[in-house]
PDB file of N, CA and C in Angstrom:
ATOM      1  N   MET A   1     142.799  45.377 111.502  1.00  0.00           N
ATOM      2  CA  MET A   1     143.680  44.638 112.376  1.00  0.00           C
ATOM      3  C   MET A   1     144.868  44.132 111.553  1.00  0.00           C
ATOM      4  N   LYS A   2     146.067  44.298 112.089  1.00  0.00           N
ATOM      5  CA  LYS A   2     147.265  43.861 111.387  1.00  0.00           C
ATOM      6  C   LYS A   2     147.313  42.340 111.297  1.00  0.00           C
ATOM      7  N   LEU A   3     148.074  41.862 110.328  1.00  0.00           N
ATOM      8  CA  LEU A   3     148.213  40.423 110.136  1.00  0.00           C
ATOM      9  C   LEU A   3     148.822  39.753 111.364  1.00  0.00           C
ATOM     10  N   SER A   4     149.812  40.391 111.987  1.00  0.00           N
ATOM     11  CA  SER A   4     150.438  39.787 113.168  1.00  0.00           C
ATOM     12  C   SER A   4     149.452  39.696 114.332  1.00  0.00           C
ATOM     13  N   ALA A   5     148.588  40.680 114.469  1.00  0.00           N
ATOM     14  CA  ALA A   5     147.575  40.633 115.531  1.00  0.00           C
ATOM     15  C   ALA A   5     146.583  39.501 115.270  1.00  0.00           C
ATOM     16  N   LYS A   6     146.195  39.317 114.006  1.00  0.00           N
ATOM     17  CA  LYS A   6     145.297  38.218 113.655  1.00  0.00           C
ATOM     18  C   LYS A   6     145.956  36.872 113.955  1.00  0.00           C
ATOM     19  N   LEU A   7     147.247  36.776 113.666  1.00  0.00           N
ATOM     20  CA  LEU A   7     147.976  35.538 113.939  1.00  0.00           C
ATOM     21  C   LEU A   7     147.976  35.224 115.429  1.00  0.00           C
ATOM     22  N   TRP A   8     148.208  36.228 116.265  1.00  0.00           N
ATOM     23  CA  TRP A   8     148.205  36.018 117.715  1.00  0.00           C
ATOM     24  C   TRP A   8     146.819  35.633 118.225  1.00  0.00           C
ATOM     25  N   VAL A   9     145.770  36.175 117.611  1.00  0.00           N
ATOM     26  CA  VAL A   9     144.406  35.793 117.997  1.00  0.00           C
ATOM     27  C   VAL A   9     144.163  34.323 117.658  1.00  0.00           C
ATOM     28  N   VAL A  10     144.582  33.905 116.470  1.00  0.00           N
ATOM     29  CA  VAL A  10     144.426  32.504 116.068  1.00  0.00           C
ATOM     30  C   VAL A  10     145.212  31.590 117.010  1.00  0.00           C
ATOM     31  N   ILE A  11     146.439  31.971 117.355  1.00  0.00           N
ATOM     32  CA  ILE A  11     147.253  31.172 118.274  1.00  0.00           C
ATOM     33  C   ILE A  11     146.580  31.085 119.639  1.00  0.00           C
ATOM     34  N   ALA A  12     146.033  32.192 120.124  1.00  0.00           N
ATOM     35  CA  ALA A  12     145.345  32.186 121.422  1.00  0.00           C
ATOM     36  C   ALA A  12     144.126  31.264 121.394  1.00  0.00           C
ATOM     37  N   VAL A  13     143.379  31.294 120.302  1.00  0.00           N
ATOM     38  CA  VAL A  13     142.214  30.409 120.173  1.00  0.00           C
ATOM     39  C   VAL A  13     142.664  28.948 120.171  1.00  0.00           C
ATOM     40  N   LEU A  14     143.745  28.644 119.454  1.00  0.00           N
ATOM     41  CA  LEU A  14     144.250  27.270 119.422  1.00  0.00           C
ATOM     42  C   LEU A  14     144.735  26.816 120.796  1.00  0.00           C
ATOM     43  N   ILE A  15     145.354  27.731 121.542  1.00  0.00           N
ATOM     44  CA  ILE A  15     145.790  27.395 122.904  1.00  0.00           C
ATOM     45  C   ILE A  15     144.583  27.042 123.765  1.00  0.00           C
ATOM     46  N   VAL A  16     143.531  27.849 123.676  1.00  0.00           N
ATOM     47  CA  VAL A  16     142.333  27.605 124.486  1.00  0.00           C
ATOM     48  C   VAL A  16     141.640  26.307 124.056  1.00  0.00           C
ATOM     49  N   LEU A  17     141.725  25.966 122.779  1.00  0.00           N
ATOM     50  CA  LEU A  17     141.089  24.745 122.283  1.00  0.00           C
ATOM     51  C   LEU A  17     141.930  23.490 122.520  1.00  0.00           C
ATOM     52  N   SER A  18     143.153  23.639 122.990  1.00  0.00           N
ATOM     53  CA  SER A  18     144.031  22.473 123.153  1.00  0.00           C
ATOM     54  C   SER A  18     143.469  21.389 124.071  1.00  0.00           C
ATOM     55  N   PRO A  19     142.683  21.689 125.098  1.00  0.00           N
ATOM     56  CA  PRO A  19     142.127  20.604 125.921  1.00  0.00           C
ATOM     57  C   PRO A  19     141.080  19.741 125.215  1.00  0.00           C
ATOM     58  N   LEU A  20     140.712  20.077 123.979  1.00  0.00           N
ATOM     59  CA  LEU A  20     139.751  19.231 123.266  1.00  0.00           C
ATOM     60  C   LEU A  20     140.259  17.800 123.148  1.00  0.00           C
ATOM     61  N   GLY A  21     141.586  17.629 123.142  1.00  0.00           N
ATOM     62  CA  GLY A  21     142.159  16.289 123.109  1.00  0.00           C
ATOM     63  C   GLY A  21     141.820  15.481 124.345  1.00  0.00           C
ATOM     64  N   LEU A  22     141.493  16.148 125.425  1.00  0.00           N
ATOM     65  CA  LEU A  22     141.046  15.473 126.647  1.00  0.00           C
ATOM     66  C   LEU A  22     139.536  15.295 126.666  1.00  0.00           C
ATOM     67  N   LEU A  23     138.836  16.328 126.227  1.00  0.00           N
ATOM     68  CA  LEU A  23     137.380  16.357 126.365  1.00  0.00           C
ATOM     69  C   LEU A  23     136.660  15.439 125.375  1.00  0.00           C
ATOM     70  N   LEU A  24     137.068  15.465 124.118  1.00  0.00           N
ATOM     71  CA  LEU A  24     136.342  14.703 123.098  1.00  0.00           C
ATOM     72  C   LEU A  24     136.405  13.193 123.302  1.00  0.00           C
ATOM     73  N   PRO A  25     137.576  12.603 123.619  1.00  0.00           N
ATOM     74  CA  PRO A  25     137.568  11.147 123.860  1.00  0.00           C
ATOM     75  C   PRO A  25     136.661  10.748 125.024  1.00  0.00           C
ATOM     76  N   ARG A  26     136.598  11.571 126.057  1.00  0.00           N
ATOM     77  CA  ARG A  26     135.713  11.248 127.182  1.00  0.00           C
ATOM     78  C   ARG A  26     134.248  11.415 126.784  1.00  0.00           C
ATOM     79  N   TYR A  27     133.973  12.422 125.975  1.00  0.00           N
ATOM     80  CA  TYR A  27     132.597  12.667 125.532  1.00  0.00           C
ATOM     81  C   TYR A  27     132.094  11.519 124.656  1.00  0.00           C
ATOM     82  N   PHE A  28     132.964  11.059 123.730  1.00  0.00           N
ATOM     83  CA  PHE A  28     132.576   9.987 122.816  1.00  0.00           C
ATOM     84  C   PHE A  28     132.891   8.594 123.361  1.00  0.00           C
ATOM     85  N   LYS A  29     133.427   8.535 124.585  1.00  0.00           N
ATOM     86  CA  LYS A  29     133.759   7.271 125.251  1.00  0.00           C
ATOM     87  C   LYS A  29     134.650   6.391 124.379  1.00  0.00           C
ATOM     88  N   SER A  30     135.678   7.023 123.797  1.00  0.00           N
ATOM     89  CA  SER A  30     136.607   6.277 122.951  1.00  0.00           C
ATOM     90  C   SER A  30     137.752   5.726 123.794  1.00  0.00           C
ATOM     91  N   GLY A  31     138.526   4.842 123.201  1.00  0.00           N
ATOM     92  CA  GLY A  31     139.651   4.217 123.896  1.00  0.00           C
ATOM     93  C   GLY A  31     140.865   5.126 123.940  1.00  0.00           C
ATOM     94  N   GLY A  32     141.981   4.536 124.299  1.00  0.00           N
ATOM     95  CA  GLY A  32     143.231   5.280 124.400  1.00  0.00           C
ATOM     96  C   GLY A  32     143.843   5.552 123.037  1.00  0.00           C
ATOM     97  N   ALA A  33     145.019   6.136 123.067  1.00  0.00           N
ATOM     98  CA  ALA A  33     145.729   6.461 121.831  1.00  0.00           C
ATOM     99  C   ALA A  33     146.115   5.175 121.106  1.00  0.00           C
ATOM    100  N   TRP A  34     146.054   5.197 119.799  1.00  0.00           N
ATOM    101  CA  TRP A  34     146.337   3.993 119.029  1.00  0.00           C
ATOM    102  C   TRP A  34     147.600   4.116 118.188  1.00  0.00           C
ATOM    103  N   GLY A  35     148.125   5.294 118.004  1.00  0.00           N
ATOM    104  CA  GLY A  35     149.258   5.484 117.100  1.00  0.00           C
ATOM    105  C   GLY A  35     150.603   5.605 117.784  1.00  0.00           C
ATOM    106  N   GLU A  36     150.668   5.345 119.069  1.00  0.00           N
ATOM    107  CA  GLU A  36     151.925   5.511 119.783  1.00  0.00           C
ATOM    108  C   GLU A  36     152.739   4.229 119.723  1.00  0.00           C
ATOM    109  N   SER A  37     154.035   4.375 119.529  1.00  0.00           N
ATOM    110  CA  SER A  37     154.925   3.227 119.415  1.00  0.00           C
ATOM    111  C   SER A  37     155.702   3.030 120.710  1.00  0.00           C
ATOM    112  N   PRO A  38     155.440   1.959 121.451  1.00  0.00           N
ATOM    113  CA  PRO A  38     156.178   1.740 122.700  1.00  0.00           C
ATOM    114  C   PRO A  38     157.660   1.483 122.452  1.00  0.00           C
ATOM    115  N   LYS A  39     157.997   0.997 121.255  1.00  0.00           N
ATOM    116  CA  LYS A  39     159.384   0.706 120.930  1.00  0.00           C
ATOM    117  C   LYS A  39     160.230   1.981 120.909  1.00  0.00           C
ATOM    118  N   LEU A  40     159.661   3.076 120.464  1.00  0.00           N
ATOM    119  CA  LEU A  40     160.390   4.336 120.333  1.00  0.00           C
ATOM    120  C   LEU A  40     160.174   5.280 121.512  1.00  0.00           C
ATOM    121  N   SER A  41     159.435   4.858 122.510  1.00  0.00           N
ATOM    122  CA  SER A  41     159.066   5.761 123.601  1.00  0.00           C
ATOM    123  C   SER A  41     160.243   6.183 124.476  1.00  0.00           C
ATOM    124  N   ASN A  42     161.327   5.435 124.475  1.00  0.00           N
ATOM    125  CA  ASN A  42     162.481   5.790 125.305  1.00  0.00           C
ATOM    126  C   ASN A  42     163.419   6.790 124.646  1.00  0.00           C
ATOM    127  N   LEU A  43     163.174   7.143 123.393  1.00  0.00           N
ATOM    128  CA  LEU A  43     164.047   8.086 122.699  1.00  0.00           C
ATOM    129  C   LEU A  43     163.866   9.523 123.179  1.00  0.00           C
ATOM    130  N   TRP A  44     162.701   9.859 123.655  1.00  0.00           N
ATOM    131  CA  TRP A  44     162.409  11.240 124.036  1.00  0.00           C
ATOM    132  C   TRP A  44     161.523  11.257 125.268  1.00  0.00           C
ATOM    133  N   HIS A  45     161.889  12.086 126.224  1.00  0.00           N
ATOM    134  CA  HIS A  45     161.065  12.279 127.417  1.00  0.00           C
ATOM    135  C   HIS A  45     160.692  13.756 127.484  1.00  0.00           C
ATOM    136  N   ALA A  46     159.428  14.032 127.430  1.00  0.00           N
ATOM    137  CA  ALA A  46     158.942  15.410 127.390  1.00  0.00           C
ATOM    138  C   ALA A  46     159.215  16.130 128.702  1.00  0.00           C
ATOM    139  N   PRO A  47     159.502  17.448 128.619  1.00  0.00           N
ATOM    140  CA  PRO A  47     159.711  18.220 129.844  1.00  0.00           C
ATOM    141  C   PRO A  47     158.464  18.274 130.724  1.00  0.00           C
ATOM    142  N   ILE A  48     157.303  18.273 130.101  1.00  0.00           N
ATOM    143  CA  ILE A  48     156.038  18.234 130.844  1.00  0.00           C
ATOM    144  C   ILE A  48     155.286  16.989 130.356  1.00  0.00           C
ATOM    145  N   PRO A  49     155.566  15.808 130.954  1.00  0.00           N
ATOM    146  CA  PRO A  49     154.933  14.576 130.472  1.00  0.00           C
ATOM    147  C   PRO A  49     153.408  14.644 130.555  1.00  0.00           C
ATOM    148  N   ASP A  50     152.768  14.111 129.553  1.00  0.00           N
ATOM    149  CA  ASP A  50     151.300  14.086 129.462  1.00  0.00           C
ATOM    150  C   ASP A  50     150.687  15.484 129.533  1.00  0.00           C
ATOM    151  N   TYR A  51     151.474  16.508 129.273  1.00  0.00           N
ATOM    152  CA  TYR A  51     151.013  17.900 129.278  1.00  0.00           C
ATOM    153  C   TYR A  51     150.441  18.328 130.614  1.00  0.00           C
ATOM    154  N   ALA A  52     150.801  17.634 131.679  1.00  0.00           N
ATOM    155  CA  ALA A  52     150.315  17.965 133.020  1.00  0.00           C
ATOM    156  C   ALA A  52     151.504  18.102 133.963  1.00  0.00           C
ATOM    157  N   PHE A  53     151.330  18.880 134.997  1.00  0.00           N
ATOM    158  CA  PHE A  53     152.397  19.079 135.966  1.00  0.00           C
ATOM    159  C   PHE A  53     152.465  17.891 136.913  1.00  0.00           C
ATOM    160  N   LYS A  54     153.614  17.725 137.531  1.00  0.00           N
ATOM    161  CA  LYS A  54     153.808  16.591 138.443  1.00  0.00           C
ATOM    162  C   LYS A  54     152.735  16.611 139.539  1.00  0.00           C
ATOM    163  N   GLY A  55     152.072  15.485 139.706  1.00  0.00           N
ATOM    164  CA  GLY A  55     151.019  15.370 140.703  1.00  0.00           C
ATOM    165  C   GLY A  55     149.633  15.748 140.196  1.00  0.00           C
ATOM    166  N   TRP A  56     149.544  16.312 139.000  1.00  0.00           N
ATOM    167  CA  TRP A  56     148.257  16.743 138.462  1.00  0.00           C
ATOM    168  C   TRP A  56     147.579  15.658 137.631  1.00  0.00           C
ATOM    169  N   GLU A  57     148.274  14.553 137.361  1.00  0.00           N
ATOM    170  CA  GLU A  57     147.718  13.526 136.481  1.00  0.00           C
ATOM    171  C   GLU A  57     146.406  12.955 137.007  1.00  0.00           C
ATOM    172  N   GLU A  58     146.263  12.912 138.331  1.00  0.00           N
ATOM    173  CA  GLU A  58     145.076  12.311 138.939  1.00  0.00           C
ATOM    174  C   GLU A  58     143.990  13.330 139.279  1.00  0.00           C
ATOM    175  N   LYS A  59     144.257  14.598 139.020  1.00  0.00           N
ATOM    176  CA  LYS A  59     143.244  15.619 139.313  1.00  0.00           C
ATOM    177  C   LYS A  59     142.136  15.550 138.272  1.00  0.00           C
ATOM    178  N   GLY A  60     141.108  16.310 138.482  1.00  0.00           N
ATOM    179  CA  GLY A  60     139.953  16.286 137.597  1.00  0.00           C
ATOM    180  C   GLY A  60     140.206  16.939 136.251  1.00  0.00           C
ATOM    181  N   LEU A  61     139.205  16.835 135.409  1.00  0.00           N
ATOM    182  CA  LEU A  61     139.270  17.360 134.052  1.00  0.00           C
ATOM    183  C   LEU A  61     139.525  18.868 133.991  1.00  0.00           C
ATOM    184  N   PRO A  62     138.927  19.692 134.857  1.00  0.00           N
ATOM    185  CA  PRO A  62     139.237  21.126 134.794  1.00  0.00           C
ATOM    186  C   PRO A  62     140.719  21.424 135.053  1.00  0.00           C
ATOM    187  N   SER A  63     141.324  20.730 136.003  1.00  0.00           N
ATOM    188  CA  SER A  63     142.747  20.945 136.292  1.00  0.00           C
ATOM    189  C   SER A  63     143.615  20.485 135.133  1.00  0.00           C
ATOM    190  N   LEU A  64     143.278  19.334 134.550  1.00  0.00           N
ATOM    191  CA  LEU A  64     144.048  18.847 133.408  1.00  0.00           C
ATOM    192  C   LEU A  64     143.888  19.766 132.200  1.00  0.00           C
ATOM    193  N   SER A  65     142.702  20.302 132.004  1.00  0.00           N
ATOM    194  CA  SER A  65     142.486  21.242 130.902  1.00  0.00           C
ATOM    195  C   SER A  65     143.328  22.495 131.099  1.00  0.00           C
ATOM    196  N   PHE A  66     143.382  22.986 132.327  1.00  0.00           N
ATOM    197  CA  PHE A  66     144.211  24.148 132.637  1.00  0.00           C
ATOM    198  C   PHE A  66     145.680  23.831 132.377  1.00  0.00           C
ATOM    199  N   ALA A  67     146.122  22.634 132.753  1.00  0.00           N
ATOM    200  CA  ALA A  67     147.513  22.233 132.517  1.00  0.00           C
ATOM    201  C   ALA A  67     147.808  22.166 131.020  1.00  0.00           C
ATOM    202  N   TYR A  68     146.861  21.700 130.214  1.00  0.00           N
ATOM    203  CA  TYR A  68     147.036  21.677 128.759  1.00  0.00           C
ATOM    204  C   TYR A  68     147.209  23.092 128.215  1.00  0.00           C
ATOM    205  N   ILE A  69     146.396  24.012 128.698  1.00  0.00           N
ATOM    206  CA  ILE A  69     146.474  25.400 128.225  1.00  0.00           C
ATOM    207  C   ILE A  69     147.813  26.016 128.610  1.00  0.00           C
ATOM    208  N   ILE A  70     148.257  25.806 129.845  1.00  0.00           N
ATOM    209  CA  ILE A  70     149.552  26.334 130.287  1.00  0.00           C
ATOM    210  C   ILE A  70     150.676  25.698 129.486  1.00  0.00           C
ATOM    211  N   SER A  71     150.602  24.401 129.252  1.00  0.00           N
ATOM    212  CA  SER A  71     151.615  23.699 128.471  1.00  0.00           C
ATOM    213  C   SER A  71     151.695  24.249 127.047  1.00  0.00           C
ATOM    214  N   ALA A  72     150.549  24.501 126.438  1.00  0.00           N
ATOM    215  CA  ALA A  72     150.522  25.073 125.088  1.00  0.00           C
ATOM    216  C   ALA A  72     151.126  26.471 125.079  1.00  0.00           C
ATOM    217  N   ALA A  73     150.798  27.272 126.075  1.00  0.00           N
ATOM    218  CA  ALA A  73     151.342  28.636 126.150  1.00  0.00           C
ATOM    219  C   ALA A  73     152.858  28.601 126.333  1.00  0.00           C
ATOM    220  N   ILE A  74     153.349  27.704 127.187  1.00  0.00           N
ATOM    221  CA  ILE A  74     154.799  27.579 127.388  1.00  0.00           C
ATOM    222  C   ILE A  74     155.472  27.164 126.082  1.00  0.00           C
ATOM    223  N   GLY A  75     154.874  26.218 125.374  1.00  0.00           N
ATOM    224  CA  GLY A  75     155.428  25.781 124.095  1.00  0.00           C
ATOM    225  C   GLY A  75     155.497  26.908 123.080  1.00  0.00           C
ATOM    226  N   ILE A  76     154.453  27.714 123.000  1.00  0.00           N
ATOM    227  CA  ILE A  76     154.438  28.847 122.069  1.00  0.00           C
ATOM    228  C   ILE A  76     155.519  29.854 122.438  1.00  0.00           C
ATOM    229  N   VAL A  77     155.648  30.159 123.725  1.00  0.00           N
ATOM    230  CA  VAL A  77     156.664  31.117 124.177  1.00  0.00           C
ATOM    231  C   VAL A  77     158.060  30.611 123.830  1.00  0.00           C
ATOM    232  N   VAL A  78     158.328  29.333 124.066  1.00  0.00           N
ATOM    233  CA  VAL A  78     159.647  28.771 123.764  1.00  0.00           C
ATOM    234  C   VAL A  78     159.940  28.852 122.269  1.00  0.00           C
ATOM    235  N   VAL A  79     158.982  28.479 121.441  1.00  0.00           N
ATOM    236  CA  VAL A  79     159.186  28.509 119.991  1.00  0.00           C
ATOM    237  C   VAL A  79     159.400  29.938 119.497  1.00  0.00           C
ATOM    238  N   VAL A  80     158.603  30.880 119.985  1.00  0.00           N
ATOM    239  CA  VAL A  80     158.749  32.276 119.557  1.00  0.00           C
ATOM    240  C   VAL A  80     160.104  32.828 119.987  1.00  0.00           C
ATOM    241  N   LEU A  81     160.505  32.558 121.222  1.00  0.00           N
ATOM    242  CA  LEU A  81     161.809  33.039 121.690  1.00  0.00           C
ATOM    243  C   LEU A  81     162.952  32.440 120.881  1.00  0.00           C
ATOM    244  N   LEU A  82     162.887  31.143 120.603  1.00  0.00           N
ATOM    245  CA  LEU A  82     163.927  30.517 119.782  1.00  0.00           C
ATOM    246  C   LEU A  82     163.968  31.125 118.383  1.00  0.00           C
ATOM    247  N   ALA A  83     162.805  31.361 117.794  1.00  0.00           N
ATOM    248  CA  ALA A  83     162.759  31.968 116.462  1.00  0.00           C
ATOM    249  C   ALA A  83     163.352  33.372 116.481  1.00  0.00           C
ATOM    250  N   LEU A  84     163.050  34.152 117.516  1.00  0.00           N
ATOM    251  CA  LEU A  84     163.610  35.505 117.617  1.00  0.00           C
ATOM    252  C   LEU A  84     165.120  35.466 117.798  1.00  0.00           C
ATOM    253  N   ILE A  85     165.606  34.567 118.638  1.00  0.00           N
ATOM    254  CA  ILE A  85     167.051  34.458 118.867  1.00  0.00           C
ATOM    255  C   ILE A  85     167.766  34.023 117.591  1.00  0.00           C
ATOM    256  N   ILE A  86     167.237  33.018 116.920  1.00  0.00           N
ATOM    257  CA  ILE A  86     167.848  32.559 115.670  1.00  0.00           C
ATOM    258  C   ILE A  86     167.804  33.660 114.625  1.00  0.00           C
ATOM    259  N   GLY A  87     166.702  34.394 114.551  1.00  0.00           N
ATOM    260  CA  GLY A  87     166.603  35.512 113.613  1.00  0.00           C
ATOM    261  C   GLY A  87     167.630  36.589 113.890  1.00  0.00           C
ATOM    262  N   LYS A  88     167.840  36.916 115.168  1.00  0.00           N
ATOM    263  CA  LYS A  88     168.851  37.928 115.526  1.00  0.00           C
ATOM    264  C   LYS A  88     170.244  37.454 115.142  1.00  0.00           C
ATOM    265  N   VAL A  89     170.560  36.189 115.441  1.00  0.00           N
ATOM    266  CA  VAL A  89     171.890  35.653 115.134  1.00  0.00           C
ATOM    267  C   VAL A  89     172.124  35.646 113.630  1.00  0.00           C
ATOM    268  N   LEU A  90     171.142  35.201 112.872  1.00  0.00           N
ATOM    269  CA  LEU A  90     171.305  35.148 111.423  1.00  0.00           C
ATOM    270  C   LEU A  90     171.355  36.535 110.799  1.00  0.00           C
ATOM    271  N   SER A  91     170.626  37.487 111.352  1.00  0.00           N
ATOM    272  CA  SER A  91     170.658  38.839 110.788  1.00  0.00           C
ATOM    273  C   SER A  91     171.988  39.526 111.081  1.00  0.00           C
ATOM    274  N   LYS A  92     172.623  39.211 112.194  1.00  0.00           N
ATOM    275  CA  LYS A  92     173.938  39.782 112.496  1.00  0.00           C
ATOM    276  C   LYS A  92     175.007  39.213 111.580  1.00  0.00           C
ATOM    277  N   LYS A  93     174.870  37.942 111.180  1.00  0.00           N
ATOM    278  CA  LYS A  93     175.832  37.335 110.261  1.00  0.00           C
ATOM    279  C   LYS A  93     175.755  37.979 108.886  1.00  0.00           C
ATOM    280  N   GLY A  94     174.581  38.460 108.508  1.00  0.00           N
ATOM    281  CA  GLY A  94     174.387  39.071 107.202  1.00  0.00           C
ATOM    282  C   GLY A  94     174.946  40.482 107.102  1.00  0.00           C
ATOM    283  N   ASP A  95     175.205  41.131 108.241  1.00  0.00           N
ATOM    284  CA  ASP A  95     175.708  42.515 108.228  1.00  0.00           C
ATOM    285  C   ASP A  95     177.139  42.621 107.828  1.00  0.00           C
TER     286      ASP A  95
END
């Protein structure tokens, strides 16, 4: 298996594992996030807040897990596309 194929397999596994951030705190009955700064929260508003689609925040754990997986996949696609575009632009400057 090529290195790039192995990389995509690892990325796919990480995407599928992304809902662990939802599942483990509920399993261990832990509290909310502790490292977030309310003072800086107005500097950035995520395109998909809480990694869930509008109206999905109150749905059950399976729906939220699915939203996490879709959010992770969208993030990967955006990053890969940006990297490809930047690579094309920089390679044309070198010619």
